[in-house]
Structure formats: structure tokens, C-alpha cells
Amino acid sequence: MTKKSKIKKDMTFADLLKENPESAEILLEEGMSCINCPLARYETLEQGSKAHGVDINEILKKLNKKKKK
């Protein structure tokens, strides 16, 4: 993923955090402690959102908005 790429629901947590470490703050605020989970290397944002009962579309909006700053 490049900085110009949009964050999408099929990205793994590992890929997201590698390219956008500042995203951890948003994930933690939403109760998604996936960043510390061993499955983060393989689990997608969508899978983690479902597991934590978080709306994937809202998370994506926040992540992409933060990325633009």
C-alpha cells in the first residue's frame, strides 16, 4: 500500500499499521485492540470489526480521514 492508497476493509491490521502507524490510535479508541493480537498479521479490518461489533464503514471513514492529515 502506498500513501496514496485508500484504506480498505480487506487490508490486514499488520499492513495498515505498517504503512499508517497513526491508525492505532483510532483502532484503540473504537475498542479494537487487534493491534496487539497475534492474528493481526492475517485478520482483515472487516473481520476485526465484525468480531468487535464495530461498523466497518465508520472505521474506514475515520482511518482515511486521519490518513489525509
N, C-alpha and C. Protein backbone atom coordinates (compact mmCIF):
# COMPACT_ATOMS: atom_id res chain seq x y z
N MET A 1 0.83 -1.18 0.00
CA MET A 1 0.00 0.00 0.00
C MET A 1 0.88 1.25 0.00
N THR A 2 0.55 2.18 -0.82
CA THR A 2 1.28 3.45 -0.84
C THR A 2 0.47 4.48 -0.07
N LYS A 3 1.09 5.59 0.20
CA LYS A 3 0.42 6.65 0.95
C LYS A 3 -0.81 7.17 0.19
N LYS A 4 -0.82 7.00 -1.14
CA LYS A 4 -1.95 7.46 -1.94
C LYS A 4 -3.10 6.46 -1.92
N SER A 5 -2.84 5.25 -1.50
CA SER A 5 -3.86 4.22 -1.49
C SER A 5 -4.88 4.48 -0.39
N LYS A 6 -6.11 4.18 -0.70
CA LYS A 6 -7.18 4.30 0.27
C LYS A 6 -7.17 3.08 1.18
N ILE A 7 -7.43 3.27 2.43
CA ILE A 7 -7.53 2.17 3.38
C ILE A 7 -8.85 1.46 3.11
N LYS A 8 -8.76 0.13 2.93
CA LYS A 8 -9.94 -0.66 2.58
C LYS A 8 -10.17 -1.77 3.59
N LYS A 9 -11.40 -2.29 3.59
CA LYS A 9 -11.79 -3.30 4.58
C LYS A 9 -11.08 -4.63 4.44
N ASP A 10 -10.49 -4.91 3.28
CA ASP A 10 -9.82 -6.19 3.09
C ASP A 10 -8.33 -6.15 3.45
N MET A 11 -7.86 -5.02 3.96
CA MET A 11 -6.47 -4.90 4.41
C MET A 11 -6.31 -5.61 5.75
N THR A 12 -5.15 -6.18 5.97
CA THR A 12 -4.88 -6.75 7.29
C THR A 12 -4.47 -5.63 8.24
N PHE A 13 -4.63 -5.91 9.51
CA PHE A 13 -4.20 -4.93 10.52
C PHE A 13 -2.70 -4.68 10.41
N ALA A 14 -1.95 -5.73 10.14
CA ALA A 14 -0.49 -5.60 10.02
C ALA A 14 -0.12 -4.65 8.90
N ASP A 15 -0.76 -4.81 7.74
CA ASP A 15 -0.46 -3.93 6.60
C ASP A 15 -0.85 -2.49 6.90
N LEU A 16 -2.01 -2.32 7.51
CA LEU A 16 -2.47 -0.98 7.86
C LEU A 16 -1.48 -0.29 8.79
N LEU A 17 -1.09 -0.98 9.84
CA LEU A 17 -0.22 -0.37 10.84
C LEU A 17 1.20 -0.17 10.34
N LYS A 18 1.63 -1.02 9.43
CA LYS A 18 2.97 -0.85 8.85
C LYS A 18 3.05 0.45 8.06
N GLU A 19 2.01 0.72 7.28
CA GLU A 19 2.00 1.91 6.43
C GLU A 19 1.44 3.15 7.12
N ASN A 20 0.60 2.93 8.12
CA ASN A 20 -0.07 4.05 8.80
C ASN A 20 -0.10 3.81 10.31
N PRO A 21 1.04 3.88 10.98
CA PRO A 21 1.08 3.58 12.41
C PRO A 21 0.16 4.47 13.25
N GLU A 22 -0.14 5.65 12.74
CA GLU A 22 -1.03 6.57 13.47
C GLU A 22 -2.45 6.03 13.55
N SER A 23 -2.78 5.02 12.75
CA SER A 23 -4.10 4.41 12.77
C SER A 23 -4.38 3.67 14.07
N ALA A 24 -3.35 3.28 14.78
CA ALA A 24 -3.51 2.55 16.04
C ALA A 24 -4.37 3.33 17.02
N GLU A 25 -4.20 4.63 17.06
CA GLU A 25 -4.97 5.47 17.98
C GLU A 25 -6.47 5.34 17.72
N ILE A 26 -6.86 5.39 16.48
CA ILE A 26 -8.28 5.27 16.13
C ILE A 26 -8.81 3.88 16.47
N LEU A 27 -8.04 2.86 16.13
CA LEU A 27 -8.48 1.49 16.42
C LEU A 27 -8.69 1.29 17.92
N LEU A 28 -7.78 1.78 18.71
CA LEU A 28 -7.90 1.64 20.16
C LEU A 28 -9.09 2.43 20.71
N GLU A 29 -9.32 3.62 20.17
CA GLU A 29 -10.46 4.42 20.60
C GLU A 29 -11.78 3.70 20.34
N GLU A 30 -11.81 2.90 19.29
CA GLU A 30 -13.02 2.17 18.92
C GLU A 30 -13.12 0.81 19.61
N GLY A 31 -12.20 0.53 20.51
CA GLY A 31 -12.24 -0.73 21.25
C GLY A 31 -11.67 -1.91 20.49
N MET A 32 -10.91 -1.62 19.46
CA MET A 32 -10.32 -2.68 18.64
C MET A 32 -8.85 -2.84 19.03
N SER A 33 -8.63 -3.70 19.99
CA SER A 33 -7.26 -3.93 20.46
C SER A 33 -6.53 -4.93 19.57
N CYS A 34 -7.00 -5.09 18.36
CA CYS A 34 -6.44 -6.04 17.39
C CYS A 34 -4.95 -5.80 17.12
N ILE A 35 -4.49 -4.61 17.38
CA ILE A 35 -3.10 -4.30 17.09
C ILE A 35 -2.15 -5.14 17.94
N ASN A 36 -2.64 -5.64 19.06
CA ASN A 36 -1.82 -6.47 19.94
C ASN A 36 -2.06 -7.96 19.75
N CYS A 37 -2.97 -8.32 18.89
CA CYS A 37 -3.36 -9.71 18.70
C CYS A 37 -2.43 -10.42 17.72
N PRO A 38 -2.06 -11.66 18.02
CA PRO A 38 -1.20 -12.42 17.09
C PRO A 38 -1.85 -12.62 15.72
N LEU A 39 -3.17 -12.57 15.66
CA LEU A 39 -3.86 -12.75 14.38
C LEU A 39 -3.84 -11.49 13.50
N ALA A 40 -3.35 -10.39 14.03
CA ALA A 40 -3.34 -9.13 13.27
C ALA A 40 -2.58 -9.24 11.96
N ARG A 41 -1.67 -10.18 11.89
CA ARG A 41 -0.91 -10.37 10.64
C ARG A 41 -1.81 -10.88 9.52
N TYR A 42 -2.89 -11.57 9.90
CA TYR A 42 -3.74 -12.23 8.91
C TYR A 42 -5.18 -11.70 8.88
N GLU A 43 -5.62 -11.13 9.98
CA GLU A 43 -7.01 -10.69 10.08
C GLU A 43 -7.20 -9.36 9.35
N THR A 44 -8.31 -9.27 8.61
CA THR A 44 -8.61 -8.04 7.89
C THR A 44 -9.35 -7.06 8.80
N LEU A 45 -9.39 -5.83 8.38
CA LEU A 45 -10.13 -4.82 9.13
C LEU A 45 -11.60 -5.22 9.25
N GLU A 46 -12.15 -5.77 8.20
CA GLU A 46 -13.55 -6.18 8.22
C GLU A 46 -13.78 -7.30 9.24
N GLN A 47 -12.91 -8.28 9.26
CA GLN A 47 -13.04 -9.38 10.21
C GLN A 47 -12.94 -8.88 11.65
N GLY A 48 -11.99 -8.01 11.91
CA GLY A 48 -11.82 -7.45 13.25
C GLY A 48 -13.01 -6.61 13.66
N SER A 49 -13.55 -5.85 12.73
CA SER A 49 -14.72 -5.02 13.02
C SER A 49 -15.91 -5.88 13.41
N LYS A 50 -16.12 -6.95 12.67
CA LYS A 50 -17.22 -7.87 12.99
C LYS A 50 -17.02 -8.49 14.36
N ALA A 51 -15.81 -8.91 14.65
CA ALA A 51 -15.52 -9.56 15.93
C ALA A 51 -15.75 -8.63 17.12
N HIS A 52 -15.56 -7.33 16.90
CA HIS A 52 -15.70 -6.36 17.98
C HIS A 52 -17.01 -5.58 17.91
N GLY A 53 -17.86 -5.92 16.94
CA GLY A 53 -19.15 -5.25 16.83
C GLY A 53 -19.04 -3.78 16.44
N VAL A 54 -18.06 -3.48 15.61
CA VAL A 54 -17.80 -2.10 15.17
C VAL A 54 -18.21 -1.96 13.70
N ASP A 55 -18.81 -0.86 13.36
CA ASP A 55 -19.22 -0.59 11.97
C ASP A 55 -17.98 -0.35 11.11
N ILE A 56 -17.74 -1.23 10.16
CA ILE A 56 -16.54 -1.13 9.31
C ILE A 56 -16.54 0.17 8.51
N ASN A 57 -17.69 0.62 8.06
CA ASN A 57 -17.73 1.85 7.26
C ASN A 57 -17.33 3.08 8.08
N GLU A 58 -17.74 3.12 9.34
CA GLU A 58 -17.35 4.23 10.20
C GLU A 58 -15.85 4.21 10.48
N ILE A 59 -15.32 3.04 10.72
CA ILE A 59 -13.87 2.90 10.96
C ILE A 59 -13.09 3.36 9.74
N LEU A 60 -13.52 2.91 8.57
CA LEU A 60 -12.82 3.29 7.33
C LEU A 60 -12.85 4.80 7.11
N LYS A 61 -13.98 5.43 7.40
CA LYS A 61 -14.07 6.89 7.27
C LYS A 61 -13.05 7.58 8.17
N LYS A 62 -12.99 7.12 9.42
CA LYS A 62 -12.07 7.73 10.38
C LYS A 62 -10.61 7.49 9.99
N LEU A 63 -10.32 6.26 9.57
CA LEU A 63 -8.94 5.93 9.20
C LEU A 63 -8.49 6.72 7.99
N ASN A 64 -9.33 6.80 6.97
CA ASN A 64 -8.96 7.54 5.76
C ASN A 64 -8.89 9.04 6.00
N LYS A 65 -9.74 9.56 6.88
CA LYS A 65 -9.69 10.98 7.21
C LYS A 65 -8.38 11.30 7.93
N LYS A 66 -8.00 10.46 8.88
CA LYS A 66 -6.75 10.66 9.63
C LYS A 66 -5.55 10.57 8.70
N LYS A 67 -5.61 9.66 7.75
CA LYS A 67 -4.51 9.45 6.82
C LYS A 67 -4.24 10.70 5.96
N LYS A 68 -5.28 11.44 5.63
CA LYS A 68 -5.14 12.63 4.78
C LYS A 68 -4.45 13.78 5.48
N LYS A 69 -4.46 13.76 6.81
CA LYS A 69 -3.87 14.88 7.58
C LYS A 69 -2.37 14.87 7.49
